[in-house]
Amino acid sequence: MLDQNGPCRNEGGSMGGIPSISLGINKEKLRSVINKNYLDFAPEYMTFLTEWLTGTYQAFKDADKYFILVYLFNKNLEFYHDNFIKVDFETFYNSEKIEIEKINIVEIANFLNIPKETARRKINELEKAGVIKKIGKKLVIDKSAFAMVKPTNTIKNFSNVLFVIYNICKQENMININITKNDITNATKSNFTFAWLHYYKFIFKWVKTWKKFFNNDTEMFLIWGVAVLQRTYKMSKQLKLKLDITDYRNSVEKIATDGINTMSISEITGIPRPTVTRKLKFLISKEFLTMDKSKLIHVGIGSSRNKEIREIQDNILNNFSELCATMCNQVVISSRSS
């Protein structure tokens, strides 16, 4: 990645002090091309998000515990950022432990939108499990917890999304250099603490927004999200054409695709089947989802909150475009300076 203290090349290839901002990708332009090519972008995007969310549940069978642990990791990333420290992926996860300067139950509860006593109880449970340890006012995250949040698969999925975006941008003449998927992965890993601070900024907004929409029920959000992902994949394979985000939304409501059964949702999410069945009844009653005669689940089209869903999706895409522009610029500028 670009060394902040070292030389780089300008557009003509000569050595210069700093890269030209004209090399950068503009967030608004990026959002525009994502909207225009949405069906090409959506499957990788939704896979990236859905697989991360299923992982949050599967780690402890309790998504809130996972969110607390990620929140604590993020506090460490904020410290590095505030003190101009950059750590690569391997160094970060080869550490024996990670220290958090202090823990504030109220701050955690407010940030994650959970009751204070719930936050306290779940932190105590993480402590009993040996995942975290309190030493005075400091908190130590044990090395055993690293595997639970080590984002090997997330980086792979994120690189897949960014590579799709790169190819779309190249087709739209926004980028004129050659970048491989490995370039993206390596750039993310070499500048890991910077990249993941921005990633967590996005992912926390995403989770908190949808949790609020689903009355703070992460499992319900996850079940609905898997059904939406299933529909998008089927559409991308069945239609084999480009759809912008407006046409995609209209097609979701009109084009028939195969549904997904309750057992598959349970296996993908890790949520017990009885729980999936119970929450599906609520989602169907509110027309977020529907069930056909073969008991297959489909995305609902009659919900009175469809307008709200679309507004949330648009806001989240704005946030994601900002994240992707930041990360793409890291890769683009790095390739120009090498």
Protein backbone atom coordinates (compact mmCIF):
# COMPACT_ATOMS: atom_id res chain seq x y z
CA MET A 1 0.00 0.00 0.00
CA LEU A 2 0.94 3.63 -0.34
CA ASP A 3 3.56 4.72 2.17
CA GLN A 4 2.47 8.07 3.56
CA ASN A 5 6.09 9.13 4.04
CA GLY A 6 7.46 7.81 0.77
CA PRO A 7 7.38 8.99 -2.84
CA CYS A 8 4.67 8.14 -5.33
CA ARG A 9 4.17 8.61 -9.04
CA ASN A 10 1.84 11.10 -10.62
CA GLU A 11 -0.44 10.35 -13.58
CA GLY A 12 2.43 10.53 -15.99
CA GLY A 13 4.46 8.02 -14.03
CA SER A 14 7.07 10.44 -12.67
CA MET A 15 7.97 10.58 -9.03
CA GLY A 16 5.96 13.08 -6.97
CA GLY A 17 5.13 13.99 -3.41
CA ILE A 18 1.46 13.05 -3.23
CA PRO A 19 -1.00 11.32 -5.57
CA SER A 20 -3.40 13.40 -7.61
CA ILE A 21 -6.96 13.46 -6.25
CA SER A 22 -8.13 13.10 -9.85
CA LEU A 23 -7.13 9.44 -9.52
CA GLY A 24 -9.77 8.91 -6.86
CA ILE A 25 -13.24 7.44 -7.27
CA ASN A 26 -16.05 9.76 -6.28
CA LYS A 27 -18.64 8.30 -3.89
CA GLU A 28 -21.63 9.83 -5.70
CA LYS A 29 -20.44 8.59 -9.10
CA LEU A 30 -19.80 5.16 -7.64
CA ARG A 31 -23.31 5.05 -6.19
CA SER A 32 -24.69 6.02 -9.59
CA VAL A 33 -22.96 3.12 -11.39
CA ILE A 34 -24.05 0.70 -8.65
CA ASN A 35 -27.65 1.82 -9.16
CA LYS A 36 -27.30 1.46 -12.93
CA ASN A 37 -25.81 -2.07 -12.71
CA TYR A 38 -27.58 -3.23 -9.58
CA LEU A 39 -28.38 -6.84 -10.56
CA ASP A 40 -24.71 -7.41 -11.45
CA PHE A 41 -23.68 -6.02 -8.08
CA ALA A 42 -26.43 -7.33 -5.77
CA PRO A 43 -25.62 -11.09 -5.48
CA GLU A 44 -22.04 -10.54 -4.25
CA TYR A 45 -23.13 -7.61 -2.09
CA MET A 46 -25.92 -9.58 -0.41
CA THR A 47 -23.72 -12.67 0.02
CA PHE A 48 -21.06 -10.54 1.72
CA LEU A 49 -23.60 -9.09 4.17
CA THR A 50 -25.67 -12.24 4.77
CA GLU A 51 -22.67 -14.49 5.43
CA TRP A 52 -21.29 -11.97 7.91
CA LEU A 53 -24.62 -11.81 9.72
CA THR A 54 -25.03 -15.61 9.85
CA GLY A 55 -21.54 -15.78 11.34
CA THR A 56 -22.54 -13.39 14.12
CA TYR A 57 -25.24 -15.81 15.25
CA GLN A 58 -23.25 -19.01 14.82
CA ALA A 59 -20.27 -17.94 16.97
CA PHE A 60 -22.20 -17.96 20.28
CA LYS A 61 -25.77 -18.75 19.16
CA ASP A 62 -26.27 -15.21 20.38
CA ALA A 63 -25.70 -12.34 17.94
CA ASP A 64 -25.56 -9.67 20.68
CA LYS A 65 -22.54 -11.34 22.32
CA TYR A 66 -20.78 -11.29 18.97
CA PHE A 67 -21.65 -7.63 18.46
CA ILE A 68 -20.22 -6.80 21.90
CA LEU A 69 -16.98 -8.58 21.03
CA VAL A 70 -16.75 -6.78 17.68
CA TYR A 71 -17.49 -3.49 19.40
CA LEU A 72 -14.51 -4.08 21.71
CA PHE A 73 -12.25 -4.93 18.77
CA ASN A 74 -13.41 -1.75 17.09
CA LYS A 75 -12.40 0.32 20.15
CA ASN A 76 -8.89 -1.03 19.60
CA LEU A 77 -8.97 0.00 15.93
CA GLU A 78 -10.13 3.48 16.93
CA PHE A 79 -7.15 3.79 19.28
CA TYR A 80 -4.77 2.82 16.46
CA HIS A 81 -6.41 5.29 14.09
CA ASP A 82 -6.36 8.16 16.60
CA ASN A 83 -2.67 7.57 17.23
CA PHE A 84 -1.64 7.15 13.56
CA ILE A 85 -0.83 3.45 14.00
CA LYS A 86 -1.26 1.07 11.06
CA VAL A 87 -1.18 -2.69 11.64
CA ASP A 88 -1.46 -5.35 8.95
CA PHE A 89 -3.78 -8.36 9.12
CA GLU A 90 -1.24 -11.01 10.13
CA THR A 91 0.36 -8.87 12.84
CA PHE A 92 -3.01 -7.95 14.31
CA TYR A 93 -4.25 -11.53 14.59
CA ASN A 94 -0.91 -12.99 15.67
CA SER A 95 -1.05 -10.91 18.86
CA GLU A 96 -1.34 -12.81 22.13
CA LYS A 97 -4.03 -10.48 23.42
CA ILE A 98 -5.71 -7.15 22.79
CA GLU A 99 -6.13 -4.61 25.56
CA ILE A 100 -9.03 -2.20 25.79
CA GLU A 101 -8.32 0.89 27.87
CA LYS A 102 -11.64 0.79 29.72
CA ILE A 103 -15.10 -0.70 29.47
CA ASN A 104 -18.29 1.30 29.78
CA ILE A 105 -21.46 -0.80 30.05
CA VAL A 106 -23.77 2.14 29.38
CA GLU A 107 -21.80 3.15 26.29
CA ILE A 108 -21.93 -0.41 24.91
CA ALA A 109 -25.66 -0.73 25.64
CA ASN A 110 -26.45 2.60 24.00
CA PHE A 111 -24.30 1.91 20.96
CA LEU A 112 -25.82 -1.53 20.35
CA ASN A 113 -29.37 -0.51 21.34
CA ILE A 114 -29.69 -3.17 24.02
CA PRO A 115 -30.72 -2.78 27.70
CA LYS A 116 -27.89 -1.97 30.09
CA GLU A 117 -28.53 -5.08 32.18
CA THR A 118 -28.50 -7.25 29.05
CA ALA A 119 -25.12 -5.81 28.08
CA ARG A 120 -23.79 -6.42 31.59
CA ARG A 121 -25.08 -10.01 31.64
CA LYS A 122 -23.64 -10.88 28.25
CA ILE A 123 -20.25 -9.36 29.12
CA ASN A 124 -20.24 -11.47 32.29
CA GLU A 125 -21.03 -14.55 30.21
CA LEU A 126 -18.17 -13.75 27.83
CA GLU A 127 -15.90 -13.37 30.85
CA LYS A 128 -17.00 -16.72 32.32
CA ALA A 129 -16.28 -18.35 28.96
CA GLY A 130 -12.74 -16.93 29.07
CA VAL A 131 -13.25 -14.85 25.94
CA ILE A 132 -12.55 -11.60 27.77
CA LYS A 133 -10.83 -10.83 31.07
CA LYS A 134 -11.12 -7.79 33.32
CA ILE A 135 -7.90 -6.49 34.82
CA GLY A 136 -8.81 -3.51 36.96
CA LYS A 137 -10.61 -1.08 34.67
CA LYS A 138 -8.94 -2.55 31.63
CA LEU A 139 -10.34 -5.34 29.50
CA VAL A 140 -8.24 -7.98 27.78
CA ILE A 141 -9.57 -9.94 24.82
CA ASP A 142 -8.01 -13.39 24.95
CA LYS A 143 -6.32 -14.88 21.88
CA SER A 144 -8.93 -17.65 21.90
CA ALA A 145 -11.50 -15.06 20.83
CA PHE A 146 -9.55 -14.01 17.74
CA ALA A 147 -10.75 -16.95 15.65
CA MET A 148 -14.37 -15.95 16.31
CA VAL A 149 -13.95 -12.52 14.76
CA LYS A 150 -11.02 -13.13 12.39
CA PRO A 151 -12.56 -11.95 9.11
CA THR A 152 -10.83 -14.31 6.67
CA ASN A 153 -14.04 -15.17 4.85
CA THR A 154 -15.39 -11.63 5.18
CA ILE A 155 -12.29 -10.19 3.49
CA LYS A 156 -12.72 -12.74 0.69
CA ASN A 157 -16.38 -11.78 0.22
CA PHE A 158 -15.61 -8.07 0.49
CA SER A 159 -12.87 -8.46 -2.14
CA ASN A 160 -15.40 -10.21 -4.39
CA VAL A 161 -17.79 -7.24 -4.08
CA LEU A 162 -15.03 -4.70 -4.71
CA PHE A 163 -13.83 -6.66 -7.74
CA VAL A 164 -17.34 -6.63 -9.20
CA ILE A 165 -17.48 -2.88 -8.57
CA TYR A 166 -14.03 -2.42 -10.14
CA ASN A 167 -15.15 -4.23 -13.30
CA ILE A 168 -18.34 -2.17 -13.48
CA CYS A 169 -16.31 1.04 -13.03
CA LYS A 170 -13.92 -0.07 -15.75
CA GLN A 171 -16.82 -0.70 -18.13
CA GLU A 172 -18.12 2.78 -17.28
CA ASN A 173 -14.64 4.28 -17.98
CA MET A 174 -14.20 5.41 -14.37
CA ILE A 175 -10.99 3.36 -14.01
CA ASN A 176 -8.40 2.67 -16.71
CA ILE A 177 -5.88 0.51 -14.83
CA ASN A 178 -5.71 -3.25 -14.35
CA ILE A 179 -6.41 -4.56 -10.84
CA THR A 180 -6.80 -8.19 -9.76
CA LYS A 181 -8.88 -9.58 -6.94
CA ASN A 182 -5.62 -10.43 -5.15
CA ASP A 183 -4.58 -6.78 -5.38
CA ILE A 184 -7.74 -5.85 -3.50
CA THR A 185 -7.29 -8.56 -0.87
CA ASN A 186 -3.63 -7.69 -0.33
CA ALA A 187 -4.40 -3.98 -0.05
CA THR A 188 -7.04 -4.68 2.58
CA LYS A 189 -4.76 -6.95 4.59
CA SER A 190 -1.67 -4.75 4.43
CA ASN A 191 -3.65 -1.74 5.64
CA PHE A 192 -5.94 -3.81 7.82
CA THR A 193 -6.60 -1.59 10.83
CA PHE A 194 -7.48 1.35 8.57
CA ALA A 195 -9.67 -0.77 6.28
CA TRP A 196 -11.51 -2.52 9.09
CA LEU A 197 -12.20 0.65 11.03
CA HIS A 198 -14.10 1.91 7.98
CA TYR A 199 -15.70 -1.49 7.47
CA TYR A 200 -16.98 -1.59 11.07
CA LYS A 201 -18.28 1.95 10.70
CA PHE A 202 -20.46 0.71 7.86
CA ILE A 203 -21.44 -2.65 9.33
CA PHE A 204 -22.58 -1.23 12.68
CA LYS A 205 -24.83 1.30 10.90
CA TRP A 206 -26.21 -1.51 8.76
CA VAL A 207 -26.94 -3.85 11.67
CA LYS A 208 -28.41 -1.19 13.93
CA THR A 209 -30.70 0.16 11.20
CA TRP A 210 -32.18 -3.23 10.33
CA LYS A 211 -32.40 -4.36 13.95
CA LYS A 212 -34.45 -1.27 14.70
CA PHE A 213 -36.72 -1.99 11.73
CA PHE A 214 -37.30 -5.55 12.98
CA ASN A 215 -37.94 -4.47 16.59
CA ASN A 216 -34.40 -5.34 17.68
CA ASP A 217 -34.85 -8.96 16.53
CA THR A 218 -31.64 -10.01 14.78
CA GLU A 219 -32.94 -13.50 14.02
CA MET A 220 -35.98 -12.12 12.20
CA PHE A 221 -33.77 -9.81 10.15
CA LEU A 222 -31.49 -12.72 9.27
CA ILE A 223 -34.37 -14.98 8.17
CA TRP A 224 -35.80 -12.24 5.96
CA GLY A 225 -32.35 -11.41 4.56
CA VAL A 226 -31.69 -15.02 3.50
CA ALA A 227 -35.00 -15.07 1.60
CA VAL A 228 -34.11 -11.81 -0.17
CA LEU A 229 -30.65 -13.17 -1.09
CA GLN A 230 -32.22 -16.37 -2.45
CA ARG A 231 -34.58 -14.34 -4.64
CA THR A 232 -31.78 -12.11 -5.95
CA TYR A 233 -29.58 -15.08 -6.93
CA LYS A 234 -32.46 -16.75 -8.73
CA MET A 235 -33.24 -13.54 -10.58
CA SER A 236 -29.63 -12.98 -11.67
CA LYS A 237 -29.40 -16.51 -13.10
CA GLN A 238 -32.88 -16.52 -14.61
CA LEU A 239 -32.93 -13.09 -16.26
CA LYS A 240 -29.33 -12.91 -17.51
CA LEU A 241 -29.64 -9.21 -18.26
CA LYS A 242 -28.71 -5.91 -16.69
CA LEU A 243 -31.19 -4.28 -14.33
CA ASP A 244 -30.85 -0.98 -12.56
CA ILE A 245 -32.07 -0.73 -8.99
CA THR A 246 -35.55 0.48 -9.99
CA ASP A 247 -36.07 -2.32 -12.51
CA TYR A 248 -34.67 -4.80 -10.00
CA ARG A 249 -37.21 -3.75 -7.38
CA ASN A 250 -40.05 -3.93 -9.88
CA SER A 251 -38.87 -7.38 -10.98
CA VAL A 252 -38.66 -8.64 -7.39
CA GLU A 253 -42.36 -7.92 -7.17
CA LYS A 254 -43.32 -9.50 -10.50
CA ILE A 255 -40.93 -12.25 -11.65
CA ALA A 256 -41.60 -15.71 -10.28
CA THR A 257 -38.63 -17.66 -8.89
CA ASP A 258 -38.24 -20.80 -6.79
CA GLY A 259 -38.60 -20.24 -3.05
CA ILE A 260 -36.59 -21.58 -0.13
CA ASN A 261 -37.78 -24.03 2.50
CA THR A 262 -37.72 -23.68 6.26
CA MET A 263 -35.01 -26.31 6.74
CA SER A 264 -32.67 -24.54 4.32
CA ILE A 265 -33.16 -21.23 6.12
CA SER A 266 -32.35 -22.96 9.41
CA GLU A 267 -29.21 -24.59 8.00
CA ILE A 268 -27.94 -21.37 6.39
CA THR A 269 -28.55 -19.18 9.43
CA GLY A 270 -27.81 -21.69 12.20
CA ILE A 271 -31.10 -20.72 13.85
CA PRO A 272 -33.04 -23.74 15.20
CA ARG A 273 -35.88 -24.83 12.93
CA PRO A 274 -38.66 -24.28 15.51
CA THR A 275 -37.43 -20.70 15.98
CA VAL A 276 -37.32 -20.16 12.21
CA THR A 277 -40.88 -21.52 11.89
CA ARG A 278 -42.17 -19.24 14.65
CA LYS A 279 -40.55 -16.11 13.25
CA LEU A 280 -41.62 -16.95 9.70
CA LYS A 281 -45.24 -16.84 10.86
CA PHE A 282 -44.77 -13.25 11.98
CA LEU A 283 -42.92 -12.23 8.80
CA ILE A 284 -45.66 -13.80 6.67
CA SER A 285 -48.41 -12.16 8.71
CA LYS A 286 -46.82 -8.76 7.99
CA GLU A 287 -46.32 -9.69 4.30
CA PHE A 288 -42.56 -9.32 4.47
CA LEU A 289 -42.49 -12.91 3.20
CA THR A 290 -45.03 -15.29 1.65
CA MET A 291 -45.41 -19.09 1.62
CA ASP A 292 -46.67 -21.00 -1.42
CA LYS A 293 -48.62 -24.27 -1.57
CA SER A 294 -45.38 -26.25 -1.49
CA LYS A 295 -44.41 -24.42 1.75
CA LEU A 296 -41.58 -22.58 0.04
CA ILE A 297 -40.77 -19.08 1.24
CA HIS A 298 -40.72 -16.06 -1.10
CA VAL A 299 -40.07 -12.34 -0.70
CA GLY A 300 -43.31 -10.54 0.12
CA ILE A 301 -44.59 -7.81 -2.14
CA GLY A 302 -47.57 -6.46 -0.23
CA SER A 303 -46.04 -5.11 2.94
CA SER A 304 -47.26 -1.68 3.94
CA ARG A 305 -43.64 -0.92 4.89
CA ASN A 306 -42.12 -1.51 1.44
CA LYS A 307 -41.50 2.21 1.01
CA GLU A 308 -39.64 2.27 4.32
CA ILE A 309 -37.61 -0.78 3.30
CA ARG A 310 -36.54 0.93 0.09
CA GLU A 311 -35.54 4.10 1.93
CA ILE A 312 -33.40 2.03 4.32
CA GLN A 313 -31.81 0.18 1.40
CA ASP A 314 -31.01 3.49 -0.32
CA ASN A 315 -29.40 4.95 2.81
CA ILE A 316 -27.35 1.80 3.33
CA LEU A 317 -26.21 1.84 -0.30
CA ASN A 318 -25.02 5.40 0.23
CA ASN A 319 -22.98 4.24 3.22
CA PHE A 320 -21.65 1.23 1.31
CA SER A 321 -20.68 3.41 -1.66
CA GLU A 322 -18.65 5.57 0.73
CA LEU A 323 -16.89 2.49 2.13
CA CYS A 324 -16.18 1.10 -1.34
CA ALA A 325 -14.93 4.43 -2.68
CA THR A 326 -12.49 4.64 0.26
CA MET A 327 -11.23 1.10 -0.28
CA CYS A 328 -11.10 1.33 -4.09
CA ASN A 329 -9.08 4.54 -3.81
CA GLN A 330 -6.58 2.77 -1.57
CA VAL A 331 -6.07 0.11 -4.26
CA VAL A 332 -6.12 2.48 -7.24
CA ILE A 333 -3.66 4.96 -5.72
CA SER A 334 -1.44 2.13 -4.51
CA SER A 335 -1.28 0.68 -8.04
CA ARG A 336 -0.41 4.12 -9.45
CA SER A 337 2.41 4.58 -6.94
CA SER A 338 4.05 1.22 -7.56
